[in-house]
N, C-alpha and C. Protein backbone atom coordinates (compact mmCIF):
# COMPACT_ATOMS: atom_id res chain seq x y z
N GLY A 1 0.78 -1.20 0.01
CA GLY A 1 -0.01 0.03 0.01
C GLY A 1 0.82 1.24 0.01
N ILE A 2 0.20 2.39 -0.17
CA ILE A 2 0.85 3.63 -0.17
C ILE A 2 0.29 4.46 0.98
N THR A 3 1.13 5.13 1.69
CA THR A 3 0.76 6.09 2.83
C THR A 3 0.70 7.43 2.21
N ILE A 4 -0.43 8.12 2.44
CA ILE A 4 -0.65 9.47 1.97
C ILE A 4 -0.96 10.36 3.16
N ALA A 5 -0.20 11.47 3.25
CA ALA A 5 -0.42 12.40 4.33
C ALA A 5 -1.12 13.63 3.77
N ILE A 6 -2.19 14.03 4.48
CA ILE A 6 -2.93 15.24 4.07
C ILE A 6 -2.91 16.17 5.23
N TYR A 7 -2.40 17.37 4.93
CA TYR A 7 -2.35 18.47 5.92
C TYR A 7 -3.40 19.56 5.59
N VAL A 8 -4.12 19.94 6.59
CA VAL A 8 -5.08 21.05 6.44
C VAL A 8 -4.55 22.21 7.29
N VAL A 9 -4.30 23.34 6.66
CA VAL A 9 -3.73 24.47 7.34
C VAL A 9 -4.66 25.72 7.10
N ALA A 10 -4.94 26.36 8.20
CA ALA A 10 -5.70 27.63 8.09
C ALA A 10 -4.73 28.76 8.16
N TYR A 11 -4.67 29.60 7.08
CA TYR A 11 -3.71 30.72 7.05
C TYR A 11 -4.33 31.89 7.81
N THR A 12 -5.62 32.07 7.80
CA THR A 12 -6.30 33.07 8.55
C THR A 12 -7.64 32.52 8.99
N GLY A 13 -8.12 33.03 10.12
CA GLY A 13 -9.42 32.69 10.59
C GLY A 13 -9.52 31.24 11.11
N TYR A 14 -10.74 30.84 11.28
CA TYR A 14 -11.07 29.52 11.84
C TYR A 14 -12.37 29.04 11.31
N GLY A 15 -12.71 27.76 11.56
CA GLY A 15 -14.04 27.28 11.13
C GLY A 15 -13.99 25.76 10.84
N GLN A 16 -15.13 25.23 10.55
CA GLN A 16 -15.22 23.83 10.19
C GLN A 16 -14.98 23.60 8.75
N TYR A 17 -14.56 22.39 8.40
CA TYR A 17 -14.43 22.04 7.01
C TYR A 17 -14.82 20.61 6.85
N TYR A 18 -15.07 20.20 5.70
CA TYR A 18 -15.43 18.83 5.33
C TYR A 18 -14.43 18.30 4.33
N LEU A 19 -13.89 17.14 4.55
CA LEU A 19 -12.91 16.55 3.68
C LEU A 19 -13.45 15.17 3.23
N SER A 20 -13.56 15.02 1.90
CA SER A 20 -14.01 13.73 1.38
C SER A 20 -12.88 13.15 0.54
N ILE A 21 -12.57 11.87 0.78
CA ILE A 21 -11.53 11.16 0.07
C ILE A 21 -12.13 9.99 -0.59
N ASN A 22 -11.96 9.91 -1.86
CA ASN A 22 -12.44 8.73 -2.67
C ASN A 22 -11.19 8.09 -3.28
N MET A 23 -11.11 6.78 -2.99
CA MET A 23 -9.96 6.02 -3.53
C MET A 23 -10.50 5.27 -4.78
N LEU A 24 -9.91 5.63 -5.91
CA LEU A 24 -10.32 5.05 -7.15
C LEU A 24 -9.33 3.96 -7.62
N SER A 25 -9.76 2.95 -8.31
CA SER A 25 -8.85 1.97 -8.76
C SER A 25 -9.18 1.75 -10.30
N PRO A 26 -8.19 1.46 -11.05
CA PRO A 26 -8.43 1.20 -12.56
C PRO A 26 -9.28 0.00 -12.73
N PRO A 27 -9.89 -0.07 -13.90
CA PRO A 27 -10.66 -1.32 -14.18
C PRO A 27 -9.81 -2.46 -14.44
N THR A 28 -10.43 -3.63 -14.35
CA THR A 28 -9.73 -4.87 -14.68
C THR A 28 -9.33 -4.82 -16.14
N GLN A 29 -8.03 -5.20 -16.39
CA GLN A 29 -7.49 -5.04 -17.70
C GLN A 29 -7.06 -6.47 -18.28
N ASN A 30 -7.00 -6.47 -19.58
CA ASN A 30 -6.49 -7.68 -20.32
C ASN A 30 -5.84 -7.17 -21.60
N ASP A 31 -4.86 -6.31 -21.45
CA ASP A 31 -4.13 -5.67 -22.60
C ASP A 31 -3.56 -6.78 -23.49
N ALA A 32 -4.01 -6.80 -24.74
CA ALA A 32 -3.49 -7.70 -25.82
C ALA A 32 -3.60 -9.18 -25.33
N GLY A 33 -4.59 -9.49 -24.59
CA GLY A 33 -4.77 -10.89 -24.13
C GLY A 33 -3.75 -11.33 -23.13
N SER A 34 -3.13 -10.39 -22.48
CA SER A 34 -2.03 -10.70 -21.53
C SER A 34 -2.54 -11.18 -20.18
N GLY A 35 -3.85 -11.03 -19.91
CA GLY A 35 -4.38 -11.43 -18.61
C GLY A 35 -4.33 -10.30 -17.59
N GLY A 36 -3.85 -9.16 -17.96
CA GLY A 36 -3.77 -7.99 -17.06
C GLY A 36 -3.28 -6.73 -17.76
N ASP A 37 -2.65 -5.88 -16.98
CA ASP A 37 -2.04 -4.62 -17.53
C ASP A 37 -0.62 -4.96 -18.03
N VAL A 38 -0.27 -4.57 -19.23
CA VAL A 38 1.11 -4.83 -19.66
C VAL A 38 2.04 -3.82 -19.03
N GLY A 39 3.33 -4.12 -19.08
CA GLY A 39 4.32 -3.30 -18.36
C GLY A 39 4.51 -1.92 -19.00
N GLN A 40 5.41 -1.15 -18.26
CA GLN A 40 5.74 0.18 -18.70
C GLN A 40 7.25 0.34 -18.92
N THR A 41 7.99 -0.76 -18.75
CA THR A 41 9.46 -0.69 -18.92
C THR A 41 9.88 -1.79 -19.90
N THR A 42 11.11 -1.69 -20.36
CA THR A 42 11.59 -2.71 -21.32
C THR A 42 11.61 -4.13 -20.65
N GLY A 43 11.82 -4.16 -19.35
CA GLY A 43 11.86 -5.45 -18.64
C GLY A 43 10.48 -6.07 -18.43
N THR A 44 9.46 -5.21 -18.56
CA THR A 44 8.07 -5.72 -18.36
C THR A 44 7.21 -5.58 -19.59
N ALA A 45 7.78 -5.22 -20.74
CA ALA A 45 7.05 -5.06 -22.01
C ALA A 45 6.45 -6.42 -22.38
N TYR A 46 5.25 -6.38 -22.88
CA TYR A 46 4.57 -7.65 -23.26
C TYR A 46 4.92 -7.95 -24.68
N THR A 47 5.33 -9.23 -24.95
CA THR A 47 5.75 -9.70 -26.27
C THR A 47 4.55 -10.11 -27.11
N LEU A 48 4.50 -9.53 -28.30
CA LEU A 48 3.45 -9.89 -29.30
C LEU A 48 4.08 -10.79 -30.35
N ASN A 49 3.26 -11.63 -31.01
CA ASN A 49 3.82 -12.53 -32.00
C ASN A 49 4.04 -11.78 -33.32
N SER A 50 4.89 -12.35 -34.13
CA SER A 50 5.26 -11.67 -35.40
C SER A 50 4.37 -12.06 -36.57
N SER A 51 3.08 -11.84 -36.41
CA SER A 51 2.11 -12.05 -37.50
C SER A 51 1.12 -10.98 -37.40
N THR A 52 0.42 -10.73 -38.50
CA THR A 52 -0.58 -9.66 -38.53
C THR A 52 -1.67 -10.02 -37.54
N ASN A 53 -1.90 -9.12 -36.59
CA ASN A 53 -2.87 -9.32 -35.57
C ASN A 53 -3.51 -8.08 -35.10
N SER A 54 -4.71 -8.14 -34.58
CA SER A 54 -5.38 -7.02 -33.93
C SER A 54 -5.51 -7.33 -32.47
N TYR A 55 -5.34 -6.32 -31.62
CA TYR A 55 -5.37 -6.44 -30.18
C TYR A 55 -6.17 -5.29 -29.57
N THR A 56 -6.66 -5.44 -28.37
CA THR A 56 -7.26 -4.33 -27.59
C THR A 56 -6.51 -4.16 -26.29
N GLY A 57 -6.71 -2.99 -25.71
CA GLY A 57 -6.13 -2.73 -24.42
C GLY A 57 -6.72 -1.53 -23.78
N TYR A 58 -6.28 -1.16 -22.61
CA TYR A 58 -6.78 -0.05 -21.86
C TYR A 58 -5.64 0.78 -21.39
N VAL A 59 -5.82 2.13 -21.43
CA VAL A 59 -4.81 3.07 -20.95
C VAL A 59 -5.51 4.22 -20.28
N ASP A 60 -4.83 4.79 -19.24
CA ASP A 60 -5.46 5.88 -18.42
C ASP A 60 -4.36 6.82 -18.02
N SER A 61 -4.55 8.13 -18.28
CA SER A 61 -3.50 9.08 -18.06
C SER A 61 -3.14 9.23 -16.56
N VAL A 62 -4.00 8.76 -15.66
CA VAL A 62 -3.77 8.85 -14.24
C VAL A 62 -3.20 7.54 -13.68
N PHE A 63 -3.91 6.44 -13.89
CA PHE A 63 -3.54 5.19 -13.30
C PHE A 63 -2.59 4.29 -14.13
N ASP A 64 -2.63 4.43 -15.42
CA ASP A 64 -1.88 3.56 -16.34
C ASP A 64 -1.52 4.28 -17.64
N ASN A 65 -0.61 5.16 -17.50
CA ASN A 65 -0.36 6.07 -18.65
C ASN A 65 0.52 5.50 -19.79
N VAL A 66 1.16 4.37 -19.57
CA VAL A 66 1.98 3.77 -20.59
C VAL A 66 1.67 2.27 -20.70
N ASP A 67 1.47 1.73 -21.95
CA ASP A 67 1.48 0.31 -22.22
C ASP A 67 2.60 0.08 -23.18
N LEU A 68 3.49 -0.84 -22.89
CA LEU A 68 4.70 -1.14 -23.72
C LEU A 68 4.71 -2.58 -24.19
N TYR A 69 4.82 -2.68 -25.47
CA TYR A 69 4.92 -4.03 -26.11
C TYR A 69 6.22 -4.18 -26.87
N ASN A 70 6.60 -5.41 -27.15
CA ASN A 70 7.75 -5.63 -28.06
C ASN A 70 7.33 -6.70 -29.05
N VAL A 71 7.83 -6.52 -30.26
CA VAL A 71 7.48 -7.37 -31.39
C VAL A 71 8.73 -7.54 -32.24
N THR A 72 8.91 -8.79 -32.79
CA THR A 72 10.05 -8.93 -33.68
C THR A 72 9.52 -8.85 -35.14
N ILE A 73 10.18 -8.07 -35.91
CA ILE A 73 9.81 -7.89 -37.32
C ILE A 73 10.61 -8.95 -38.15
N PRO A 74 9.93 -9.75 -38.89
CA PRO A 74 10.67 -10.79 -39.68
C PRO A 74 11.60 -10.13 -40.71
N THR A 75 12.67 -10.78 -41.00
CA THR A 75 13.63 -10.27 -41.97
C THR A 75 12.93 -10.03 -43.34
N GLY A 76 13.19 -8.87 -43.94
CA GLY A 76 12.60 -8.52 -45.23
C GLY A 76 11.22 -7.84 -45.15
N TYR A 77 10.75 -7.62 -43.94
CA TYR A 77 9.42 -7.07 -43.74
C TYR A 77 9.45 -5.64 -43.14
N GLU A 78 8.37 -4.93 -43.31
CA GLU A 78 8.21 -3.67 -42.67
C GLU A 78 7.02 -3.81 -41.77
N LEU A 79 6.96 -3.01 -40.70
CA LEU A 79 5.82 -3.08 -39.72
C LEU A 79 5.04 -1.81 -39.83
N TYR A 80 3.70 -2.01 -39.89
CA TYR A 80 2.76 -0.90 -39.91
C TYR A 80 1.84 -1.17 -38.67
N VAL A 81 1.63 -0.12 -37.80
CA VAL A 81 0.72 -0.27 -36.66
C VAL A 81 -0.32 0.87 -36.79
N ASN A 82 -1.55 0.47 -36.75
CA ASN A 82 -2.67 1.40 -36.75
C ASN A 82 -3.44 1.23 -35.50
N THR A 83 -3.79 2.35 -34.81
CA THR A 83 -4.52 2.33 -33.57
C THR A 83 -5.78 3.12 -33.63
N THR A 84 -6.75 2.83 -32.91
CA THR A 84 -7.89 3.62 -32.69
C THR A 84 -7.97 3.90 -31.15
N MET A 85 -7.94 5.17 -30.82
CA MET A 85 -7.80 5.55 -29.43
C MET A 85 -9.14 6.17 -28.91
N PRO A 86 -9.34 6.12 -27.57
CA PRO A 86 -10.54 6.79 -27.01
C PRO A 86 -10.31 8.29 -26.99
N SER A 87 -11.28 9.02 -26.47
CA SER A 87 -11.17 10.49 -26.39
C SER A 87 -10.02 10.87 -25.44
N GLY A 88 -9.29 11.88 -25.86
CA GLY A 88 -8.15 12.35 -25.06
C GLY A 88 -6.99 12.62 -25.98
N ASN A 89 -5.76 12.79 -25.40
CA ASN A 89 -4.53 13.09 -26.15
C ASN A 89 -3.63 11.89 -25.90
N TYR A 90 -3.17 11.29 -27.01
CA TYR A 90 -2.31 10.05 -26.94
C TYR A 90 -1.14 10.23 -27.86
N THR A 91 -0.06 9.51 -27.50
CA THR A 91 1.17 9.38 -28.30
C THR A 91 1.37 7.88 -28.44
N ILE A 92 1.63 7.47 -29.71
CA ILE A 92 2.03 6.10 -29.98
C ILE A 92 3.41 6.21 -30.70
N GLY A 93 4.20 5.10 -30.49
CA GLY A 93 5.47 5.18 -31.18
C GLY A 93 6.21 3.82 -31.21
N LEU A 94 7.04 3.70 -32.21
CA LEU A 94 7.96 2.58 -32.32
C LEU A 94 9.31 3.04 -31.83
N ILE A 95 9.91 2.17 -30.96
CA ILE A 95 11.21 2.55 -30.41
C ILE A 95 12.20 1.46 -30.70
N ASP A 96 13.47 1.83 -30.88
CA ASP A 96 14.49 0.79 -31.29
C ASP A 96 14.69 -0.24 -30.16
N ASN A 97 15.37 -1.35 -30.50
CA ASN A 97 15.47 -2.44 -29.52
C ASN A 97 16.43 -2.10 -28.34
N ALA A 98 17.22 -1.04 -28.43
CA ALA A 98 18.06 -0.57 -27.34
C ALA A 98 17.32 0.48 -26.52
N PHE A 99 16.14 0.84 -26.90
CA PHE A 99 15.28 1.79 -26.27
C PHE A 99 16.00 3.18 -26.14
N THR A 100 16.58 3.58 -27.29
CA THR A 100 17.33 4.87 -27.30
C THR A 100 16.75 5.94 -28.16
N TYR A 101 15.95 5.55 -29.20
CA TYR A 101 15.37 6.62 -30.03
C TYR A 101 14.00 6.14 -30.60
N TRP A 102 13.20 7.20 -30.96
CA TRP A 102 11.92 6.83 -31.66
C TRP A 102 12.18 6.51 -33.12
N ILE A 103 11.70 5.45 -33.58
CA ILE A 103 11.73 5.12 -35.03
C ILE A 103 10.70 5.92 -35.74
N ASP A 104 9.48 5.97 -35.14
CA ASP A 104 8.37 6.73 -35.68
C ASP A 104 7.37 6.99 -34.52
N GLN A 105 6.78 8.10 -34.52
CA GLN A 105 5.82 8.41 -33.51
C GLN A 105 4.70 9.29 -33.99
N ALA A 106 3.58 9.31 -33.33
CA ALA A 106 2.40 10.16 -33.70
C ALA A 106 1.67 10.53 -32.45
N THR A 107 1.24 11.79 -32.37
CA THR A 107 0.48 12.27 -31.26
C THR A 107 -0.76 12.97 -31.78
N SER A 108 -1.93 12.70 -31.14
CA SER A 108 -3.08 13.30 -31.64
C SER A 108 -4.26 13.22 -30.59
N THR A 109 -5.22 14.12 -30.75
CA THR A 109 -6.42 14.09 -29.97
C THR A 109 -7.48 13.44 -30.77
N GLN A 110 -7.20 13.06 -31.99
CA GLN A 110 -8.20 12.36 -32.84
C GLN A 110 -8.13 10.88 -32.58
N GLY A 111 -9.04 10.13 -33.12
CA GLY A 111 -9.19 8.74 -32.78
C GLY A 111 -8.20 7.77 -33.42
N THR A 112 -7.60 8.08 -34.53
CA THR A 112 -6.74 7.16 -35.23
C THR A 112 -5.31 7.64 -35.34
N LEU A 113 -4.37 6.73 -35.00
CA LEU A 113 -2.93 7.08 -35.08
C LEU A 113 -2.24 5.90 -35.75
N SER A 114 -1.17 6.23 -36.54
CA SER A 114 -0.40 5.18 -37.23
C SER A 114 1.09 5.46 -37.17
N VAL A 115 1.86 4.38 -37.10
CA VAL A 115 3.27 4.46 -37.16
C VAL A 115 3.82 3.30 -38.03
N THR A 116 5.05 3.45 -38.55
CA THR A 116 5.63 2.41 -39.42
C THR A 116 7.14 2.41 -39.35
N THR A 117 7.72 1.33 -39.82
CA THR A 117 9.17 1.27 -40.03
C THR A 117 9.51 1.60 -41.48
N ASN A 118 8.48 1.76 -42.34
CA ASN A 118 8.73 2.12 -43.71
C ASN A 118 9.61 3.40 -43.89
N ASN A 119 10.57 3.32 -44.75
CA ASN A 119 11.48 4.46 -44.97
C ASN A 119 12.32 4.83 -43.75
N THR A 120 12.68 3.90 -42.93
CA THR A 120 13.51 4.13 -41.74
C THR A 120 14.71 3.18 -41.92
N ASN A 121 15.64 3.26 -40.96
CA ASN A 121 16.77 2.41 -41.00
C ASN A 121 16.40 0.96 -40.61
N LEU A 122 15.11 0.72 -40.23
CA LEU A 122 14.69 -0.64 -39.95
C LEU A 122 13.73 -1.19 -40.93
N SER A 123 13.72 -0.59 -42.17
CA SER A 123 12.80 -1.03 -43.20
C SER A 123 12.99 -2.52 -43.56
N GLY A 124 14.19 -3.06 -43.39
CA GLY A 124 14.49 -4.47 -43.71
C GLY A 124 14.10 -5.45 -42.70
N GLY A 125 13.54 -5.03 -41.59
CA GLY A 125 13.15 -5.99 -40.51
C GLY A 125 14.27 -6.73 -39.91
N GLY A 126 13.98 -7.90 -39.38
CA GLY A 126 14.98 -8.77 -38.79
C GLY A 126 15.45 -8.26 -37.43
N THR A 127 14.60 -7.57 -36.73
CA THR A 127 14.93 -7.00 -35.44
C THR A 127 13.71 -6.86 -34.57
N MET A 128 13.92 -6.68 -33.29
CA MET A 128 12.82 -6.44 -32.31
C MET A 128 12.67 -4.98 -32.09
N VAL A 129 11.43 -4.53 -32.03
CA VAL A 129 11.17 -3.12 -31.71
C VAL A 129 10.19 -3.07 -30.55
N TYR A 130 10.13 -1.89 -29.88
CA TYR A 130 9.11 -1.69 -28.82
C TYR A 130 8.04 -0.80 -29.49
N PHE A 131 6.83 -1.06 -28.96
CA PHE A 131 5.70 -0.23 -29.41
C PHE A 131 5.08 0.32 -28.11
N ALA A 132 4.95 1.67 -28.03
CA ALA A 132 4.42 2.33 -26.81
C ALA A 132 3.14 3.03 -27.11
N ILE A 133 2.22 2.93 -26.16
CA ILE A 133 1.03 3.75 -26.14
C ILE A 133 1.07 4.59 -24.88
N ILE A 134 1.00 5.93 -25.01
CA ILE A 134 1.19 6.83 -23.90
C ILE A 134 -0.12 7.67 -23.81
N ALA A 135 -0.72 7.68 -22.62
CA ALA A 135 -1.95 8.50 -22.41
C ALA A 135 -1.45 9.83 -21.83
N ASN A 136 -1.52 10.91 -22.66
CA ASN A 136 -1.13 12.22 -22.15
C ASN A 136 -2.39 12.85 -21.37
N SER A 137 -3.54 12.53 -21.87
CA SER A 137 -4.76 12.89 -21.08
C SER A 137 -5.86 11.97 -21.62
N GLY A 138 -6.78 11.61 -20.73
CA GLY A 138 -7.86 10.73 -21.11
C GLY A 138 -7.65 9.31 -20.71
N SER A 139 -8.69 8.48 -20.94
CA SER A 139 -8.61 7.10 -20.57
C SER A 139 -9.61 6.28 -21.40
N GLY A 140 -9.41 5.04 -21.53
CA GLY A 140 -10.35 4.19 -22.25
C GLY A 140 -9.70 3.02 -22.95
N ASN A 141 -10.55 2.29 -23.74
CA ASN A 141 -10.07 1.12 -24.48
C ASN A 141 -9.54 1.62 -25.82
N TYR A 142 -8.47 0.92 -26.31
CA TYR A 142 -7.88 1.21 -27.57
C TYR A 142 -7.83 -0.09 -28.35
N THR A 143 -7.71 -0.04 -29.70
CA THR A 143 -7.47 -1.15 -30.54
C THR A 143 -6.17 -0.88 -31.31
N MET A 144 -5.41 -1.93 -31.61
CA MET A 144 -4.25 -1.81 -32.42
C MET A 144 -4.12 -2.95 -33.38
N LYS A 145 -3.69 -2.67 -34.62
CA LYS A 145 -3.47 -3.63 -35.57
C LYS A 145 -2.05 -3.63 -36.10
N PHE A 146 -1.35 -4.79 -35.98
CA PHE A 146 -0.01 -4.92 -36.47
C PHE A 146 -0.04 -5.60 -37.81
N THR A 147 0.57 -4.97 -38.81
CA THR A 147 0.63 -5.55 -40.15
C THR A 147 2.07 -5.61 -40.65
N PHE A 148 2.53 -6.74 -41.09
CA PHE A 148 3.87 -7.00 -41.58
C PHE A 148 3.74 -7.10 -43.08
N VAL A 149 4.54 -6.23 -43.82
CA VAL A 149 4.44 -6.16 -45.25
C VAL A 149 5.82 -6.46 -45.87
N ASN A 150 5.92 -7.31 -46.87
CA ASN A 150 7.12 -7.53 -47.62
C ASN A 150 7.06 -6.57 -48.77
N PRO A 151 7.87 -5.49 -48.76
CA PRO A 151 7.80 -4.57 -49.88
C PRO A 151 8.32 -5.07 -51.18
N ASN A 152 9.04 -6.23 -51.12
CA ASN A 152 9.58 -6.73 -52.39
C ASN A 152 8.71 -7.85 -52.95
N ALA A 153 7.65 -8.16 -52.30
CA ALA A 153 6.76 -9.26 -52.78
C ALA A 153 6.02 -8.80 -54.08
N VAL A 154 5.96 -9.70 -54.97
CA VAL A 154 5.30 -9.44 -56.28
C VAL A 154 3.80 -9.65 -56.06
N PRO A 155 3.02 -8.54 -56.37
CA PRO A 155 1.54 -8.71 -56.20
C PRO A 155 0.93 -9.80 -57.09
N THR A 156 -0.05 -10.46 -56.53
CA THR A 156 -0.71 -11.52 -57.27
C THR A 156 -1.60 -10.87 -58.38
N PRO A 157 -1.39 -11.34 -59.65
CA PRO A 157 -2.21 -10.77 -60.72
C PRO A 157 -3.69 -11.11 -60.48
N SER A 158 -4.53 -10.19 -60.95
CA SER A 158 -5.97 -10.40 -60.85
C SER A 158 -6.67 -9.98 -62.05
N ILE A 159 -7.57 -10.80 -62.55
CA ILE A 159 -8.38 -10.52 -63.66
C ILE A 159 -9.81 -10.74 -63.28
N SER A 160 -10.68 -9.67 -63.50
CA SER A 160 -12.07 -9.74 -63.13
C SER A 160 -12.87 -9.29 -64.34
N ILE A 161 -13.87 -10.13 -64.64
CA ILE A 161 -14.79 -9.76 -65.79
C ILE A 161 -16.18 -9.74 -65.20
N THR A 162 -16.86 -8.61 -65.35
CA THR A 162 -18.22 -8.51 -64.83
C THR A 162 -19.15 -8.24 -66.01
N SER A 163 -20.10 -9.04 -66.20
CA SER A 163 -21.13 -8.88 -67.29
C SER A 163 -22.29 -8.10 -66.72
N LEU A 164 -22.41 -6.88 -67.15
CA LEU A 164 -23.52 -6.07 -66.63
C LEU A 164 -24.83 -6.46 -67.28
N THR A 165 -24.80 -6.64 -68.60
CA THR A 165 -25.99 -7.12 -69.36
C THR A 165 -25.44 -8.01 -70.48
N LYS A 166 -26.26 -8.53 -71.28
CA LYS A 166 -25.83 -9.39 -72.37
C LYS A 166 -25.04 -8.60 -73.42
N ASP A 167 -25.27 -7.26 -73.42
CA ASP A 167 -24.64 -6.40 -74.40
C ASP A 167 -23.38 -5.67 -73.86
N SER A 168 -23.13 -5.72 -72.59
CA SER A 168 -21.96 -4.95 -72.07
C SER A 168 -21.27 -5.73 -70.96
N ALA A 169 -19.97 -5.47 -70.82
CA ALA A 169 -19.24 -6.07 -69.70
C ALA A 169 -18.07 -5.17 -69.39
N SER A 170 -17.53 -5.32 -68.15
CA SER A 170 -16.37 -4.56 -67.81
C SER A 170 -15.26 -5.55 -67.40
N ILE A 171 -14.03 -5.21 -67.77
CA ILE A 171 -12.89 -6.06 -67.45
C ILE A 171 -11.91 -5.22 -66.62
N SER A 172 -11.46 -5.85 -65.51
CA SER A 172 -10.52 -5.17 -64.57
C SER A 172 -9.27 -6.03 -64.53
N LEU A 173 -8.12 -5.45 -64.85
CA LEU A 173 -6.85 -6.18 -64.85
C LEU A 173 -5.93 -5.43 -63.83
N THR A 174 -5.38 -6.17 -62.78
CA THR A 174 -4.57 -5.47 -61.84
C THR A 174 -3.31 -6.30 -61.59
N ASN A 175 -2.22 -5.62 -61.30
CA ASN A 175 -0.98 -6.28 -60.93
C ASN A 175 -0.38 -7.22 -62.00
N LEU A 176 -0.68 -6.92 -63.23
CA LEU A 176 -0.15 -7.65 -64.37
C LEU A 176 1.29 -7.19 -64.67
N VAL A 177 2.12 -8.10 -65.15
CA VAL A 177 3.50 -7.76 -65.54
C VAL A 177 3.63 -7.87 -67.04
N ILE A 178 4.21 -6.88 -67.65
CA ILE A 178 4.46 -6.85 -69.09
C ILE A 178 5.34 -8.05 -69.46
N GLY A 179 4.95 -8.79 -70.45
CA GLY A 179 5.76 -9.89 -70.95
C GLY A 179 5.29 -11.26 -70.39
N ASN A 180 4.45 -11.26 -69.37
CA ASN A 180 3.96 -12.50 -68.80
C ASN A 180 2.66 -12.91 -69.58
N THR A 181 2.46 -14.24 -69.63
CA THR A 181 1.23 -14.72 -70.20
C THR A 181 0.31 -15.19 -69.13
N TYR A 182 -0.93 -14.84 -69.19
CA TYR A 182 -1.90 -15.18 -68.14
C TYR A 182 -3.00 -15.93 -68.68
């Protein structure tokens, strides 16, 4: 427990006063399926798997202002993280594995924030990074989606033919490569 001392001092005059103390506790949490609140330090960061996944969590600027995760980016991949935040002011960010600098960060009072390793010195993956959610003000549930993208992957060709009537049709061709036969 924590011991809290409260001093009431009258600078002038005298009289009666009323003091009301309410002890609040944060709600039960299950950040990213961890079974509780994830840590706030590198030693207590919660490890996420290296596949595209969506997670939920809870953050509170008073009781739980930081949720810290770590995730390993597969070699040859980039990481994209998209979040939807509750009302308030929040910062999200990717931090290098030595916890020395921000790879990418975003702060907003709006509901959606995104960060990525694209166009950074970690674009090639093959390393662990930290992902932080910081509540500057406000509280509530958030969602986050981790997407791993291989920027060198060849897109799958797609051919779509839609017959609107017997007299007309539309053809859509995407991701085709010149010189290939389909």
